[in-house]
Amino acid sequence: MLTTVTNRIKEVKQPRGGYLKPSELEIIEYDDGNTLNEKENVHPTLIGLAVDYMTRFMMGAKLMEVFDISMKGAANSGDDSLFIACALLNEIKGLDDKSINCACKLVSFDVWYRNPSVAYASKTFDEINPDKQTIENIRILIQRSIAFFEKYGPIIKDGFNFNPVKEDKKSLLNMMKTGQGTYGGYTATVISGDGDFLTSDTLWDFKVSINKPTSKHTLQLLMYWIMGQHSGQECFKNISKIGIFNPRLNTVYLFDMSKIDPNIIKIIEDEVICY
């Protein structure tokens, strides 16, 4: 049963309130004096991706690295998509209207890499035209994200995965074929999943939703933390906290992993990720 972290979470029946109740998270609210426009004409998923990627870019990451999944998706979609994606990438310079517009169009190609089975039903890049209100909101969300990292950073890793230190595609293929074994933090049950950011002691996930965190979100963070520990990667060794930053709500949600019941970790390892 090969699945992703997010799909596995949908399959799992958590105990009442969740393995980690959202009410257990420390909540820190910020006020930058900005008010977001009420209406947006771009899907929240694309806005979330655009804010995520553009924040990384504005924090100093290289464009090709930041939009790597978008470019891979464009390559998968065929026709002239890769050429179009390259043209869009070249127009991204900063937080001007044109750059944000191109970023929204470019991230529409992600679906061809992340979930190709639904790609044909998704809007194409030329159907995505953020209006002035949407662009203003995205700019504010990126600025809030930058301010967040100036306080909680620096970023030590972004777009992280849970591959083993020494990658071996033969071992990966064997695990997928036999349905047994592990590959770093991945298993024959949870074979795919990648996170947003690591700072010196915290694993962060970005959410750009109007809603507060749910038990699905906290389980995702717990799975990421556990998979990081199993990966053997050095960058996860000092990660003692998990957190969510929601720039739309301008709120930080934090949890110190020293407070978690070890039995909960064991259950997630055995019954959810299936080591």
C-alpha atoms as a PDB file:
ATOM      1  CA  MET A   1       0.000   0.000   0.000  1.00  0.00           C
ATOM      2  CA  LEU A   2       2.130   2.877  -1.267  1.00  0.00           C
ATOM      3  CA  THR A   3       0.845   6.302  -0.309  1.00  0.00           C
ATOM      4  CA  THR A   4       1.865   9.846   0.612  1.00  0.00           C
ATOM      5  CA  VAL A   5       1.926  11.453   4.043  1.00  0.00           C
ATOM      6  CA  THR A   6      -1.179  13.521   3.308  1.00  0.00           C
ATOM      7  CA  ASN A   7      -3.119  10.593   1.859  1.00  0.00           C
ATOM      8  CA  ARG A   8      -2.121   8.346   4.761  1.00  0.00           C
ATOM      9  CA  ILE A   9      -3.480  10.936   7.188  1.00  0.00           C
ATOM     10  CA  LYS A  10      -6.865  10.745   5.426  1.00  0.00           C
ATOM     11  CA  GLU A  11      -6.910   6.965   5.918  1.00  0.00           C
ATOM     12  CA  VAL A  12      -6.037   6.998   9.611  1.00  0.00           C
ATOM     13  CA  LYS A  13      -8.709   7.087  12.330  1.00  0.00           C
ATOM     14  CA  GLN A  14      -7.193   9.137  15.129  1.00  0.00           C
ATOM     15  CA  PRO A  15      -8.300   8.969  18.774  1.00  0.00           C
ATOM     16  CA  ARG A  16     -10.757  11.619  19.898  1.00  0.00           C
ATOM     17  CA  GLY A  17      -9.139  15.038  19.483  1.00  0.00           C
ATOM     18  CA  GLY A  18      -6.188  13.573  17.586  1.00  0.00           C
ATOM     19  CA  TYR A  19      -2.836  12.073  18.544  1.00  0.00           C
ATOM     20  CA  LEU A  20      -1.809  15.664  19.250  1.00  0.00           C
ATOM     21  CA  LYS A  21      -4.728  17.943  20.054  1.00  0.00           C
ATOM     22  CA  PRO A  22      -4.488  21.373  18.372  1.00  0.00           C
ATOM     23  CA  SER A  23      -5.417  22.894  21.755  1.00  0.00           C
ATOM     24  CA  GLU A  24      -2.036  21.700  23.056  1.00  0.00           C
ATOM     25  CA  LEU A  25      -0.179  24.010  20.666  1.00  0.00           C
ATOM     26  CA  GLU A  26       1.258  27.269  21.940  1.00  0.00           C
ATOM     27  CA  ILE A  27      -0.362  30.147  20.020  1.00  0.00           C
ATOM     28  CA  ILE A  28       1.496  33.375  19.222  1.00  0.00           C
ATOM     29  CA  GLU A  29      -0.375  36.071  17.265  1.00  0.00           C
ATOM     30  CA  TYR A  30       1.167  39.005  15.388  1.00  0.00           C
ATOM     31  CA  ASP A  31      -0.239  42.237  13.993  1.00  0.00           C
ATOM     32  CA  ASP A  32       1.504  44.007  11.123  1.00  0.00           C
ATOM     33  CA  GLY A  33      -1.242  46.586  10.626  1.00  0.00           C
ATOM     34  CA  ASN A  34      -2.258  45.149   7.241  1.00  0.00           C
ATOM     35  CA  THR A  35      -5.754  43.942   6.384  1.00  0.00           C
ATOM     36  CA  LEU A  36      -6.188  41.352   3.646  1.00  0.00           C
ATOM     37  CA  ASN A  37      -8.739  41.841   0.885  1.00  0.00           C
ATOM     38  CA  GLU A  38     -11.800  39.647   1.370  1.00  0.00           C
ATOM     39  CA  LYS A  39     -11.962  38.196  -2.142  1.00  0.00           C
ATOM     40  CA  GLU A  40      -9.303  36.358  -4.172  1.00  0.00           C
ATOM     41  CA  ASN A  41      -9.634  34.875  -7.642  1.00  0.00           C
ATOM     42  CA  VAL A  42      -6.909  32.208  -7.376  1.00  0.00           C
ATOM     43  CA  HIS A  43      -7.366  28.832  -5.652  1.00  0.00           C
ATOM     44  CA  PRO A  44      -5.992  28.779  -2.075  1.00  0.00           C
ATOM     45  CA  THR A  45      -3.697  25.831  -2.906  1.00  0.00           C
ATOM     46  CA  LEU A  46      -1.948  27.839  -5.630  1.00  0.00           C
ATOM     47  CA  ILE A  47      -1.728  30.885  -3.370  1.00  0.00           C
ATOM     48  CA  GLY A  48      -0.126  28.714  -0.699  1.00  0.00           C
ATOM     49  CA  LEU A  49       2.459  27.378  -3.142  1.00  0.00           C
ATOM     50  CA  ALA A  50       3.191  30.845  -4.535  1.00  0.00           C
ATOM     51  CA  VAL A  51       3.684  32.280  -1.036  1.00  0.00           C
ATOM     52  CA  ASP A  52       5.873  29.338  -0.007  1.00  0.00           C
ATOM     53  CA  TYR A  53       8.113  29.456  -3.071  1.00  0.00           C
ATOM     54  CA  MET A  54       8.345  33.243  -3.287  1.00  0.00           C
ATOM     55  CA  THR A  55       9.239  33.474   0.396  1.00  0.00           C
ATOM     56  CA  ARG A  56      12.126  31.063  -0.175  1.00  0.00           C
ATOM     57  CA  PHE A  57      13.237  33.085  -3.190  1.00  0.00           C
ATOM     58  CA  MET A  58      13.077  36.395  -1.320  1.00  0.00           C
ATOM     59  CA  MET A  59      15.058  34.826   1.531  1.00  0.00           C
ATOM     60  CA  GLY A  60      17.903  34.067  -0.884  1.00  0.00           C
ATOM     61  CA  ALA A  61      17.188  30.663  -2.426  1.00  0.00           C
ATOM     62  CA  LYS A  62      17.796  30.179  -6.148  1.00  0.00           C
ATOM     63  CA  LEU A  63      14.775  30.366  -8.443  1.00  0.00           C
ATOM     64  CA  MET A  64      15.421  26.997 -10.096  1.00  0.00           C
ATOM     65  CA  GLU A  65      15.661  25.310  -6.708  1.00  0.00           C
ATOM     66  CA  VAL A  66      12.571  27.036  -5.355  1.00  0.00           C
ATOM     67  CA  PHE A  67      10.374  26.204  -8.350  1.00  0.00           C
ATOM     68  CA  ASP A  68      11.919  22.765  -8.913  1.00  0.00           C
ATOM     69  CA  ILE A  69       8.619  20.882  -8.583  1.00  0.00           C
ATOM     70  CA  SER A  70       6.888  23.357 -10.890  1.00  0.00           C
ATOM     71  CA  MET A  71       9.539  22.762 -13.540  1.00  0.00           C
ATOM     72  CA  LYS A  72       9.345  18.983 -13.115  1.00  0.00           C
ATOM     73  CA  GLY A  73       5.585  19.205 -13.441  1.00  0.00           C
ATOM     74  CA  ALA A  74       5.888  21.261 -16.605  1.00  0.00           C
ATOM     75  CA  ALA A  75       8.237  18.635 -18.050  1.00  0.00           C
ATOM     76  CA  ASN A  76       5.651  15.946 -17.276  1.00  0.00           C
ATOM     77  CA  SER A  77       2.743  17.807 -18.849  1.00  0.00           C
ATOM     78  CA  GLY A  78       4.218  17.731 -22.363  1.00  0.00           C
ATOM     79  CA  ASP A  79       3.673  20.030 -25.362  1.00  0.00           C
ATOM     80  CA  ASP A  80       5.337  23.435 -24.911  1.00  0.00           C
ATOM     81  CA  SER A  81       4.818  23.503 -21.138  1.00  0.00           C
ATOM     82  CA  LEU A  82       8.488  23.387 -20.179  1.00  0.00           C
ATOM     83  CA  PHE A  83       9.272  26.253 -22.557  1.00  0.00           C
ATOM     84  CA  ILE A  84       6.376  28.255 -21.088  1.00  0.00           C
ATOM     85  CA  ALA A  85       7.484  27.466 -17.542  1.00  0.00           C
ATOM     86  CA  CYS A  86      11.010  28.685 -18.315  1.00  0.00           C
ATOM     87  CA  ALA A  87       9.601  31.922 -19.713  1.00  0.00           C
ATOM     88  CA  LEU A  88       7.498  32.456 -16.586  1.00  0.00           C
ATOM     89  CA  LEU A  89      10.478  31.699 -14.337  1.00  0.00           C
ATOM     90  CA  ASN A  90      12.587  34.296 -16.101  1.00  0.00           C
ATOM     91  CA  GLU A  91       9.992  36.987 -15.341  1.00  0.00           C
ATOM     92  CA  ILE A  92      10.132  36.488 -11.574  1.00  0.00           C
ATOM     93  CA  LYS A  93      12.317  39.231 -10.099  1.00  0.00           C
ATOM     94  CA  GLY A  94      10.792  40.192  -6.743  1.00  0.00           C
ATOM     95  CA  LEU A  95       7.461  41.242  -5.229  1.00  0.00           C
ATOM     96  CA  ASP A  96       6.238  43.366  -8.133  1.00  0.00           C
ATOM     97  CA  ASP A  97       2.857  42.566  -9.683  1.00  0.00           C
ATOM     98  CA  LYS A  98       4.310  40.839 -12.737  1.00  0.00           C
ATOM     99  CA  SER A  99       6.534  38.545 -10.674  1.00  0.00           C
ATOM    100  CA  ILE A 100       3.656  37.481  -8.428  1.00  0.00           C
ATOM    101  CA  ASN A 101       1.410  36.938 -11.452  1.00  0.00           C
ATOM    102  CA  CYS A 102       4.028  34.715 -13.090  1.00  0.00           C
ATOM    103  CA  ALA A 103       4.598  32.790  -9.843  1.00  0.00           C
ATOM    104  CA  CYS A 104       0.862  31.986  -9.613  1.00  0.00           C
ATOM    105  CA  LYS A 105       0.860  30.727 -13.182  1.00  0.00           C
ATOM    106  CA  LEU A 106       4.066  28.744 -12.717  1.00  0.00           C
ATOM    107  CA  VAL A 107       2.928  26.838  -9.611  1.00  0.00           C
ATOM    108  CA  SER A 108      -0.082  25.569 -11.579  1.00  0.00           C
ATOM    109  CA  PHE A 109       2.340  23.041 -13.125  1.00  0.00           C
ATOM    110  CA  ASP A 110       3.040  21.463  -9.683  1.00  0.00           C
ATOM    111  CA  VAL A 111       0.014  19.212  -9.969  1.00  0.00           C
ATOM    112  CA  TRP A 112       1.597  17.380 -12.920  1.00  0.00           C
ATOM    113  CA  TYR A 113       4.328  16.211 -10.549  1.00  0.00           C
ATOM    114  CA  ARG A 114       2.463  15.967  -7.225  1.00  0.00           C
ATOM    115  CA  ASN A 115      -0.785  14.387  -8.414  1.00  0.00           C
ATOM    116  CA  PRO A 116      -0.852  13.736 -12.190  1.00  0.00           C
ATOM    117  CA  SER A 117      -4.125  11.791 -11.968  1.00  0.00           C
ATOM    118  CA  VAL A 118      -6.070  15.012 -11.366  1.00  0.00           C
ATOM    119  CA  ALA A 119      -3.914  17.299 -13.495  1.00  0.00           C
ATOM    120  CA  TYR A 120      -6.192  17.184 -16.525  1.00  0.00           C
ATOM    121  CA  ALA A 121      -9.060  18.574 -14.454  1.00  0.00           C
ATOM    122  CA  SER A 122      -6.977  21.441 -13.074  1.00  0.00           C
ATOM    123  CA  LYS A 123      -6.851  24.959 -14.434  1.00  0.00           C
ATOM    124  CA  THR A 124      -4.080  25.604 -16.947  1.00  0.00           C
ATOM    125  CA  PHE A 125      -1.531  28.381 -16.466  1.00  0.00           C
ATOM    126  CA  ASP A 126      -3.306  30.703 -18.922  1.00  0.00           C
ATOM    127  CA  GLU A 127      -6.550  30.406 -16.936  1.00  0.00           C
ATOM    128  CA  ILE A 128      -4.854  31.726 -13.806  1.00  0.00           C
ATOM    129  CA  ASN A 129      -4.883  35.522 -13.780  1.00  0.00           C
ATOM    130  CA  PRO A 130      -4.692  36.952 -10.263  1.00  0.00           C
ATOM    131  CA  ASP A 131      -6.480  40.281  -9.938  1.00  0.00           C
ATOM    132  CA  LYS A 132      -5.153  43.310  -8.071  1.00  0.00           C
ATOM    133  CA  GLN A 133      -6.725  42.269  -4.749  1.00  0.00           C
ATOM    134  CA  THR A 134      -5.255  38.765  -4.948  1.00  0.00           C
ATOM    135  CA  ILE A 135      -1.786  40.054  -5.849  1.00  0.00           C
ATOM    136  CA  GLU A 136      -1.909  42.516  -2.938  1.00  0.00           C
ATOM    137  CA  ASN A 137      -2.842  39.696  -0.557  1.00  0.00           C
ATOM    138  CA  ILE A 138      -0.055  37.443  -1.816  1.00  0.00           C
ATOM    139  CA  ARG A 139       2.460  40.252  -1.373  1.00  0.00           C
ATOM    140  CA  ILE A 140       1.345  40.799   2.228  1.00  0.00           C
ATOM    141  CA  LEU A 141       1.492  37.045   2.940  1.00  0.00           C
ATOM    142  CA  ILE A 142       5.047  36.861   1.602  1.00  0.00           C
ATOM    143  CA  GLN A 143       6.100  39.913   3.614  1.00  0.00           C
ATOM    144  CA  ARG A 144       4.615  38.373   6.756  1.00  0.00           C
ATOM    145  CA  SER A 145       6.482  35.143   6.027  1.00  0.00           C
ATOM    146  CA  ILE A 146       9.761  37.012   5.627  1.00  0.00           C
ATOM    147  CA  ALA A 147       9.146  38.833   8.925  1.00  0.00           C
ATOM    148  CA  PHE A 148       8.428  35.473  10.551  1.00  0.00           C
ATOM    149  CA  PHE A 149      11.767  34.046   9.448  1.00  0.00           C
ATOM    150  CA  GLU A 150      13.617  37.165  10.529  1.00  0.00           C
ATOM    151  CA  LYS A 151      12.312  36.381  14.013  1.00  0.00           C
ATOM    152  CA  TYR A 152      12.451  32.564  14.048  1.00  0.00           C
ATOM    153  CA  GLY A 153      15.141  31.832  11.454  1.00  0.00           C
ATOM    154  CA  PRO A 154      17.532  31.440   9.905  1.00  0.00           C
ATOM    155  CA  ILE A 155      16.340  28.665   7.621  1.00  0.00           C
ATOM    156  CA  ILE A 156      18.773  25.744   7.697  1.00  0.00           C
ATOM    157  CA  LYS A 157      16.874  23.651   5.151  1.00  0.00           C
ATOM    158  CA  ASP A 158      13.829  24.146   2.944  1.00  0.00           C
ATOM    159  CA  GLY A 159      11.812  21.717   0.866  1.00  0.00           C
ATOM    160  CA  PHE A 160      13.263  18.842   2.902  1.00  0.00           C
ATOM    161  CA  ASN A 161      12.633  15.135   2.345  1.00  0.00           C
ATOM    162  CA  PHE A 162      13.281  11.988   4.390  1.00  0.00           C
ATOM    163  CA  ASN A 163      15.639  10.096   2.094  1.00  0.00           C
ATOM    164  CA  PRO A 164      18.515   8.189   3.706  1.00  0.00           C
ATOM    165  CA  VAL A 165      21.904   9.881   3.981  1.00  0.00           C
ATOM    166  CA  LYS A 166      23.230   7.589   1.251  1.00  0.00           C
ATOM    167  CA  GLU A 167      20.558   7.307  -1.397  1.00  0.00           C
ATOM    168  CA  ASP A 168      20.248   3.942  -3.133  1.00  0.00           C
ATOM    169  CA  LYS A 169      17.552   3.756  -5.796  1.00  0.00           C
ATOM    170  CA  LYS A 170      17.931  -0.016  -6.000  1.00  0.00           C
ATOM    171  CA  SER A 171      16.933  -0.349  -2.348  1.00  0.00           C
ATOM    172  CA  LEU A 172      14.019   2.020  -2.899  1.00  0.00           C
ATOM    173  CA  LEU A 173      12.721   0.029  -5.853  1.00  0.00           C
ATOM    174  CA  ASN A 174      13.125  -3.220  -3.931  1.00  0.00           C
ATOM    175  CA  MET A 175      11.088  -1.862  -1.018  1.00  0.00           C
ATOM    176  CA  MET A 176       8.359  -0.703  -3.372  1.00  0.00           C
ATOM    177  CA  LYS A 177       8.327  -4.055  -5.143  1.00  0.00           C
ATOM    178  CA  THR A 178       8.304  -6.282  -2.056  1.00  0.00           C
ATOM    179  CA  GLY A 179       6.288  -4.036   0.247  1.00  0.00           C
ATOM    180  CA  GLN A 180       8.883  -4.548   2.970  1.00  0.00           C
ATOM    181  CA  GLY A 181      11.721  -2.596   4.559  1.00  0.00           C
ATOM    182  CA  THR A 182      12.431   1.108   4.884  1.00  0.00           C
ATOM    183  CA  TYR A 183      14.171   3.797   2.881  1.00  0.00           C
ATOM    184  CA  GLY A 184      15.446   6.443   5.257  1.00  0.00           C
ATOM    185  CA  GLY A 185      12.314   7.790   6.901  1.00  0.00           C
ATOM    186  CA  TYR A 186      10.016   6.282   4.266  1.00  0.00           C
ATOM    187  CA  THR A 187       8.325   2.891   4.419  1.00  0.00           C
ATOM    188  CA  ALA A 188       6.411   0.624   2.083  1.00  0.00           C
ATOM    189  CA  THR A 189       3.289   2.295   3.490  1.00  0.00           C
ATOM    190  CA  VAL A 190       4.368   5.957   3.396  1.00  0.00           C
ATOM    191  CA  ILE A 191       6.635   6.295   0.392  1.00  0.00           C
ATOM    192  CA  SER A 192       6.315  10.006  -0.299  1.00  0.00           C
ATOM    193  CA  GLY A 193       6.159  13.297   1.566  1.00  0.00           C
ATOM    194  CA  ASP A 194       8.241  16.437   1.927  1.00  0.00           C
ATOM    195  CA  GLY A 195       8.185  19.327   4.353  1.00  0.00           C
ATOM    196  CA  ASP A 196       8.541  23.090   4.181  1.00  0.00           C
ATOM    197  CA  PHE A 197      11.282  24.514   6.417  1.00  0.00           C
ATOM    198  CA  LEU A 198      13.718  23.661   9.187  1.00  0.00           C
ATOM    199  CA  THR A 199      15.232  26.216  11.532  1.00  0.00           C
ATOM    200  CA  SER A 200      17.856  25.352  14.145  1.00  0.00           C
ATOM    201  CA  ASP A 201      15.463  23.521  16.480  1.00  0.00           C
ATOM    202  CA  THR A 202      12.040  23.527  14.792  1.00  0.00           C
ATOM    203  CA  LEU A 203      10.337  21.706  11.928  1.00  0.00           C
ATOM    204  CA  TRP A 204       7.903  24.152  10.301  1.00  0.00           C
ATOM    205  CA  ASP A 205       4.899  23.725   8.081  1.00  0.00           C
ATOM    206  CA  PHE A 206       3.279  26.636   6.257  1.00  0.00           C
ATOM    207  CA  LYS A 207      -0.505  26.885   6.027  1.00  0.00           C
ATOM    208  CA  VAL A 208      -2.279  29.700   4.192  1.00  0.00           C
ATOM    209  CA  SER A 209      -5.792  28.749   5.259  1.00  0.00           C
ATOM    210  CA  ILE A 210      -8.497  30.863   6.877  1.00  0.00           C
ATOM    211  CA  ASN A 211      -8.902  28.036   9.395  1.00  0.00           C
ATOM    212  CA  LYS A 212      -6.946  27.180  12.521  1.00  0.00           C
ATOM    213  CA  PRO A 213      -4.889  23.943  12.681  1.00  0.00           C
ATOM    214  CA  THR A 214      -6.718  20.621  12.917  1.00  0.00           C
ATOM    215  CA  SER A 215      -5.727  17.170  14.180  1.00  0.00           C
ATOM    216  CA  LYS A 216      -4.818  16.273  10.582  1.00  0.00           C
ATOM    217  CA  HIS A 217      -2.263  19.091  10.572  1.00  0.00           C
ATOM    218  CA  THR A 218      -0.767  18.062  13.908  1.00  0.00           C
ATOM    219  CA  LEU A 219      -0.515  14.429  12.759  1.00  0.00           C
ATOM    220  CA  GLN A 220       1.295  15.608   9.633  1.00  0.00           C
ATOM    221  CA  LEU A 221       3.837  17.422  11.803  1.00  0.00           C
ATOM    222  CA  LEU A 222       4.286  14.386  14.066  1.00  0.00           C
ATOM    223  CA  MET A 223       4.824  12.142  11.049  1.00  0.00           C
ATOM    224  CA  TYR A 224       7.379  14.562   9.593  1.00  0.00           C
ATOM    225  CA  TRP A 225       9.266  14.716  12.898  1.00  0.00           C
ATOM    226  CA  ILE A 226       9.309  10.923  13.267  1.00  0.00           C
ATOM    227  CA  MET A 227      10.320  10.359   9.641  1.00  0.00           C
ATOM    228  CA  GLY A 228      13.098  12.902  10.065  1.00  0.00           C
ATOM    229  CA  GLN A 229      14.482  10.994  13.048  1.00  0.00           C
ATOM    230  CA  HIS A 230      14.351   7.706  11.096  1.00  0.00           C
ATOM    231  CA  SER A 231      16.023   9.241   8.032  1.00  0.00           C
ATOM    232  CA  GLY A 232      19.380   9.568   9.764  1.00  0.00           C
ATOM    233  CA  GLN A 233      19.907  13.005   8.231  1.00  0.00           C
ATOM    234  CA  GLU A 234      22.023  15.259  10.438  1.00  0.00           C
ATOM    235  CA  CYS A 235      19.662  18.235  10.039  1.00  0.00           C
ATOM    236  CA  PHE A 236      16.918  16.499  12.047  1.00  0.00           C
ATOM    237  CA  LYS A 237      19.000  15.564  15.083  1.00  0.00           C
ATOM    238  CA  ASN A 238      18.468  18.843  16.975  1.00  0.00           C
ATOM    239  CA  ILE A 239      14.846  19.352  15.984  1.00  0.00           C
ATOM    240  CA  SER A 240      13.015  19.507  19.324  1.00  0.00           C
ATOM    241  CA  LYS A 241       9.904  21.446  18.275  1.00  0.00           C
ATOM    242  CA  ILE A 242       7.256  21.304  15.584  1.00  0.00           C
ATOM    243  CA  GLY A 243       5.363  24.337  14.400  1.00  0.00           C
ATOM    244  CA  ILE A 244       2.952  25.881  11.952  1.00  0.00           C
ATOM    245  CA  PHE A 245       3.078  29.419  10.640  1.00  0.00           C
ATOM    246  CA  ASN A 246      -0.052  30.766   8.989  1.00  0.00           C
ATOM    247  CA  PRO A 247       0.665  34.135   7.358  1.00  0.00           C
ATOM    248  CA  ARG A 248      -3.025  34.602   6.519  1.00  0.00           C
ATOM    249  CA  LEU A 249      -3.852  34.514  10.237  1.00  0.00           C
ATOM    250  CA  ASN A 250      -0.377  35.912  11.036  1.00  0.00           C
ATOM    251  CA  THR A 251      -0.164  33.330  13.786  1.00  0.00           C
ATOM    252  CA  VAL A 252       2.467  30.854  14.989  1.00  0.00           C
ATOM    253  CA  TYR A 253       1.519  27.490  16.513  1.00  0.00           C
ATOM    254  CA  LEU A 254       4.290  25.670  18.410  1.00  0.00           C
ATOM    255  CA  PHE A 255       4.736  22.388  20.259  1.00  0.00           C
ATOM    256  CA  ASP A 256       7.736  21.154  22.251  1.00  0.00           C
ATOM    257  CA  MET A 257       8.275  17.477  21.416  1.00  0.00           C
ATOM    258  CA  SER A 258       9.629  16.797  24.912  1.00  0.00           C
ATOM    259  CA  LYS A 259       6.004  17.041  26.072  1.00  0.00           C
ATOM    260  CA  ILE A 260       4.685  14.263  23.827  1.00  0.00           C
ATOM    261  CA  ASP A 261       3.785  10.888  25.318  1.00  0.00           C
ATOM    262  CA  PRO A 262       6.376   8.378  24.003  1.00  0.00           C
ATOM    263  CA  ASN A 263       3.536   5.873  23.541  1.00  0.00           C
ATOM    264  CA  ILE A 264       1.971   8.204  20.960  1.00  0.00           C
ATOM    265  CA  ILE A 265       5.221   8.233  18.977  1.00  0.00           C
ATOM    266  CA  LYS A 266       5.351   4.433  19.145  1.00  0.00           C
ATOM    267  CA  ILE A 267       1.770   4.079  17.896  1.00  0.00           C
ATOM    268  CA  ILE A 268       2.383   6.423  14.959  1.00  0.00           C
ATOM    269  CA  GLU A 269       5.589   4.561  14.095  1.00  0.00           C
ATOM    270  CA  ASP A 270       3.902   1.142  14.214  1.00  0.00           C
ATOM    271  CA  GLU A 271       0.374   1.811  13.003  1.00  0.00           C
ATOM    272  CA  VAL A 272       0.508   4.934  10.833  1.00  0.00           C
ATOM    273  CA  ILE A 273       3.923   5.001   9.148  1.00  0.00           C
ATOM    274  CA  CYS A 274       4.423   1.256   9.674  1.00  0.00           C
ATOM    275  CA  TYR A 275       8.142   0.838  10.357  1.00  0.00           C
END
